[in-house]
Amino acid sequence: MMKEYCANAIAGTQKLLDALDTSVVEKIADRILDSDNVFVVADVGRPGLALMSLAQRLRQLGIRSYHLEESPPTPSVHEGDVVLIASVDGEDKTPITFMKRGKELHIAYDLFTMTKGSTLEKDASEVLLFPQLDEGGLIAEEYFELALFVVCDAIVLYLQDKVGRSKARMQQELPNIF
């Protein structure tokens, strides 16, 4: 039974990933590489975990990246920085608050979402729209969350190749003090 659950989750996630516009993912990744700082914003839940994981992996690449509201305090956000937001419906209060403040500071942001026409989508620089998939035992939001983890890892692998960072060097950057 467990193999069937895993197979359904993988098959559904694969369908969702196959439908993504990978050119948008590359644009976002290239913007990350060209930025001074990368900031990630997400409401609670697994989308937030996926972006926190992305920030950590970007730091392993030597890219200054932060999860807003984490300790230690993050530096100021400035024009030219990349802000990434993940929101299933594009209507989460925390990211909208950051988006409104960012607009006042002329800060652009990229969005990962499932919902076309949302508040967050209207002002985003790049939008990676995940299709709604509701089959195989999972609901659409769960497929979004699984696929977001995969996309975040793909961004890191893409950037790792672009900067010429070896897997061995990435391994050296893993936490080792525990």
Protein backbone atom coordinates (compact mmCIF):
# COMPACT_ATOMS: atom_id res chain seq x y z
CA MET A 1 0.00 0.00 0.00
CA MET A 2 2.81 2.45 0.87
CA LYS A 3 4.45 1.91 -2.53
CA GLU A 4 1.15 2.83 -4.18
CA TYR A 5 0.90 6.07 -2.18
CA CYS A 6 4.45 6.99 -3.14
CA ALA A 7 3.90 6.08 -6.79
CA ASN A 8 0.72 8.19 -6.96
CA ALA A 9 2.46 11.19 -5.38
CA ILE A 10 5.40 10.91 -7.77
CA ALA A 11 3.22 10.39 -10.85
CA GLY A 12 1.01 13.37 -10.04
CA THR A 13 3.96 15.59 -9.24
CA GLN A 14 5.59 14.57 -12.52
CA LYS A 15 2.45 15.57 -14.46
CA LEU A 16 2.46 18.94 -12.75
CA LEU A 17 6.18 19.49 -13.39
CA ASP A 18 5.78 18.52 -17.05
CA ALA A 19 3.20 21.31 -17.45
CA LEU A 20 5.40 24.07 -15.96
CA ASP A 21 6.94 26.79 -18.09
CA THR A 22 10.62 26.05 -17.47
CA SER A 23 11.67 29.26 -19.22
CA VAL A 24 10.15 31.14 -16.26
CA VAL A 25 12.17 28.99 -13.84
CA GLU A 26 15.36 29.83 -15.77
CA LYS A 27 14.53 33.56 -15.74
CA ILE A 28 14.04 33.44 -11.99
CA ALA A 29 17.29 31.48 -11.52
CA ASP A 30 19.23 33.93 -13.71
CA ARG A 31 17.81 36.88 -11.75
CA ILE A 32 18.97 35.19 -8.54
CA LEU A 33 22.48 34.87 -9.94
CA ASP A 34 22.56 38.54 -10.98
CA SER A 35 21.19 39.90 -7.69
CA ASP A 36 22.99 41.24 -4.65
CA ASN A 37 20.63 39.50 -2.24
CA VAL A 38 17.79 37.01 -2.43
CA PHE A 39 14.89 37.12 -0.03
CA VAL A 40 12.19 34.51 0.31
CA VAL A 41 8.73 35.11 1.73
CA ALA A 42 6.05 32.56 2.33
CA ASP A 43 3.25 32.04 4.72
CA VAL A 44 3.35 29.08 7.05
CA GLY A 45 3.35 25.53 5.76
CA ARG A 46 5.29 23.57 3.24
CA PRO A 47 5.64 26.35 0.63
CA GLY A 48 7.49 28.29 3.33
CA LEU A 49 9.68 25.30 4.07
CA ALA A 50 10.49 24.88 0.38
CA LEU A 51 11.62 28.50 0.09
CA MET A 52 13.55 28.34 3.37
CA SER A 53 15.32 25.29 1.99
CA LEU A 54 16.07 27.19 -1.22
CA ALA A 55 17.57 30.08 0.76
CA GLN A 56 19.81 27.68 2.66
CA ARG A 57 20.99 25.95 -0.51
CA LEU A 58 21.66 29.29 -2.18
CA ARG A 59 23.88 30.24 0.77
CA GLN A 60 25.83 27.03 0.14
CA LEU A 61 26.47 28.40 -3.35
CA GLY A 62 27.77 31.64 -1.89
CA ILE A 63 24.65 33.62 -2.79
CA ARG A 64 23.46 35.96 -0.07
CA SER A 65 19.96 34.69 0.66
CA TYR A 66 17.59 35.17 3.52
CA HIS A 67 14.20 34.08 4.75
CA LEU A 68 12.43 37.22 5.89
CA GLU A 69 11.63 37.25 9.58
CA GLU A 70 14.24 34.66 10.51
CA SER A 71 16.96 35.15 13.10
CA PRO A 72 19.44 36.72 12.86
CA PRO A 73 17.71 39.76 11.39
CA THR A 74 17.87 40.07 7.64
CA PRO A 75 19.48 43.07 5.96
CA SER A 76 17.46 45.76 4.19
CA VAL A 77 15.86 44.91 0.88
CA HIS A 78 16.89 47.19 -1.98
CA GLU A 79 16.03 47.67 -5.62
CA GLY A 80 17.82 44.97 -7.64
CA ASP A 81 17.44 42.30 -4.97
CA VAL A 82 15.31 39.29 -5.78
CA VAL A 83 12.28 38.59 -3.62
CA LEU A 84 10.63 35.20 -4.07
CA ILE A 85 7.11 34.55 -2.81
CA ALA A 86 5.28 31.23 -2.68
CA SER A 87 1.53 31.27 -2.19
CA VAL A 88 -0.95 28.64 -3.28
CA ASP A 89 -3.79 31.10 -3.79
CA GLY A 90 -1.86 34.36 -4.05
CA GLU A 91 -3.98 35.88 -1.30
CA ASP A 92 -1.96 35.11 1.86
CA LYS A 93 -1.78 38.09 4.21
CA THR A 94 1.92 37.90 5.10
CA PRO A 95 3.23 37.90 1.51
CA ILE A 96 0.73 40.60 0.51
CA THR A 97 2.00 42.79 3.36
CA PHE A 98 5.59 42.33 2.16
CA MET A 99 4.51 42.94 -1.45
CA LYS A 100 2.79 46.23 -0.56
CA ARG A 101 5.81 47.48 1.39
CA GLY A 102 8.10 46.31 -1.41
CA LYS A 103 6.11 48.33 -3.95
CA GLU A 104 6.69 51.45 -1.85
CA LEU A 105 10.44 50.70 -2.01
CA HIS A 106 10.34 49.81 -5.75
CA ILE A 107 11.19 46.18 -5.03
CA ALA A 108 10.21 43.61 -7.64
CA TYR A 109 9.28 40.06 -6.74
CA ASP A 110 8.73 36.70 -8.41
CA LEU A 111 5.81 34.46 -7.51
CA PHE A 112 5.23 30.71 -7.32
CA THR A 113 1.46 30.07 -7.26
CA MET A 114 -1.43 27.96 -8.47
CA THR A 115 -3.95 30.77 -8.83
CA LYS A 116 -4.21 32.99 -11.88
CA GLY A 117 -5.41 36.55 -11.31
CA SER A 118 -4.55 36.71 -7.61
CA THR A 119 -3.56 39.84 -5.70
CA LEU A 120 0.09 38.75 -5.68
CA GLU A 121 0.17 37.84 -9.37
CA LYS A 122 -0.88 41.30 -10.54
CA ASP A 123 2.41 42.99 -9.61
CA ALA A 124 4.87 40.09 -9.88
CA SER A 125 7.85 40.34 -12.23
CA GLU A 126 7.78 36.64 -13.03
CA VAL A 127 5.02 34.19 -12.19
CA LEU A 128 5.54 30.46 -12.21
CA LEU A 129 1.98 29.19 -12.45
CA PHE A 130 1.53 25.63 -11.26
CA PRO A 131 -1.47 23.86 -12.79
CA GLN A 132 -4.25 22.54 -10.58
CA LEU A 133 -4.04 18.78 -10.32
CA ASP A 134 -6.39 16.82 -8.10
CA GLU A 135 -5.91 13.10 -8.59
CA GLY A 136 -4.05 10.10 -7.24
CA GLY A 137 -5.05 10.64 -3.63
CA LEU A 138 -3.52 14.08 -3.15
CA ILE A 139 -5.21 17.44 -3.40
CA ALA A 140 -3.97 20.22 -5.68
CA GLU A 141 -2.21 22.11 -2.89
CA GLU A 142 -0.20 19.03 -1.93
CA TYR A 143 1.00 18.59 -5.51
CA PHE A 144 1.96 22.29 -5.57
CA GLU A 145 4.00 21.84 -2.41
CA LEU A 146 5.80 18.72 -3.64
CA ALA A 147 6.53 20.30 -7.02
CA LEU A 148 7.78 23.50 -5.38
CA PHE A 149 10.44 21.53 -3.51
CA VAL A 150 11.54 19.97 -6.80
CA VAL A 151 11.60 23.34 -8.60
CA CYS A 152 13.65 24.90 -5.80
CA ASP A 153 16.17 22.07 -6.03
CA ALA A 154 16.25 22.44 -9.82
CA ILE A 155 17.04 26.15 -9.42
CA VAL A 156 19.99 25.29 -7.19
CA LEU A 157 21.29 22.62 -9.57
CA TYR A 158 20.96 25.03 -12.52
CA LEU A 159 22.87 27.73 -10.64
CA GLN A 160 25.44 25.21 -9.41
CA ASP A 161 26.19 24.35 -13.04
CA LYS A 162 26.28 28.01 -14.11
CA VAL A 163 28.84 28.99 -11.46
CA GLY A 164 30.86 25.78 -11.88
CA ARG A 165 30.42 24.58 -8.30
CA SER A 166 31.15 20.87 -7.95
CA LYS A 167 29.01 18.48 -5.95
CA ALA A 168 32.01 17.85 -3.70
CA ARG A 169 32.30 21.57 -2.97
CA MET A 170 28.57 21.76 -2.23
CA GLN A 171 29.00 18.84 0.16
CA GLN A 172 31.69 20.78 2.04
CA GLU A 173 29.19 23.58 2.64
CA LEU A 174 26.71 21.37 4.52
CA PRO A 175 26.41 22.04 8.26
CA ASN A 176 29.05 19.95 10.04
CA ILE A 177 29.14 21.25 13.60
CA PHE A 178 26.40 18.99 14.93
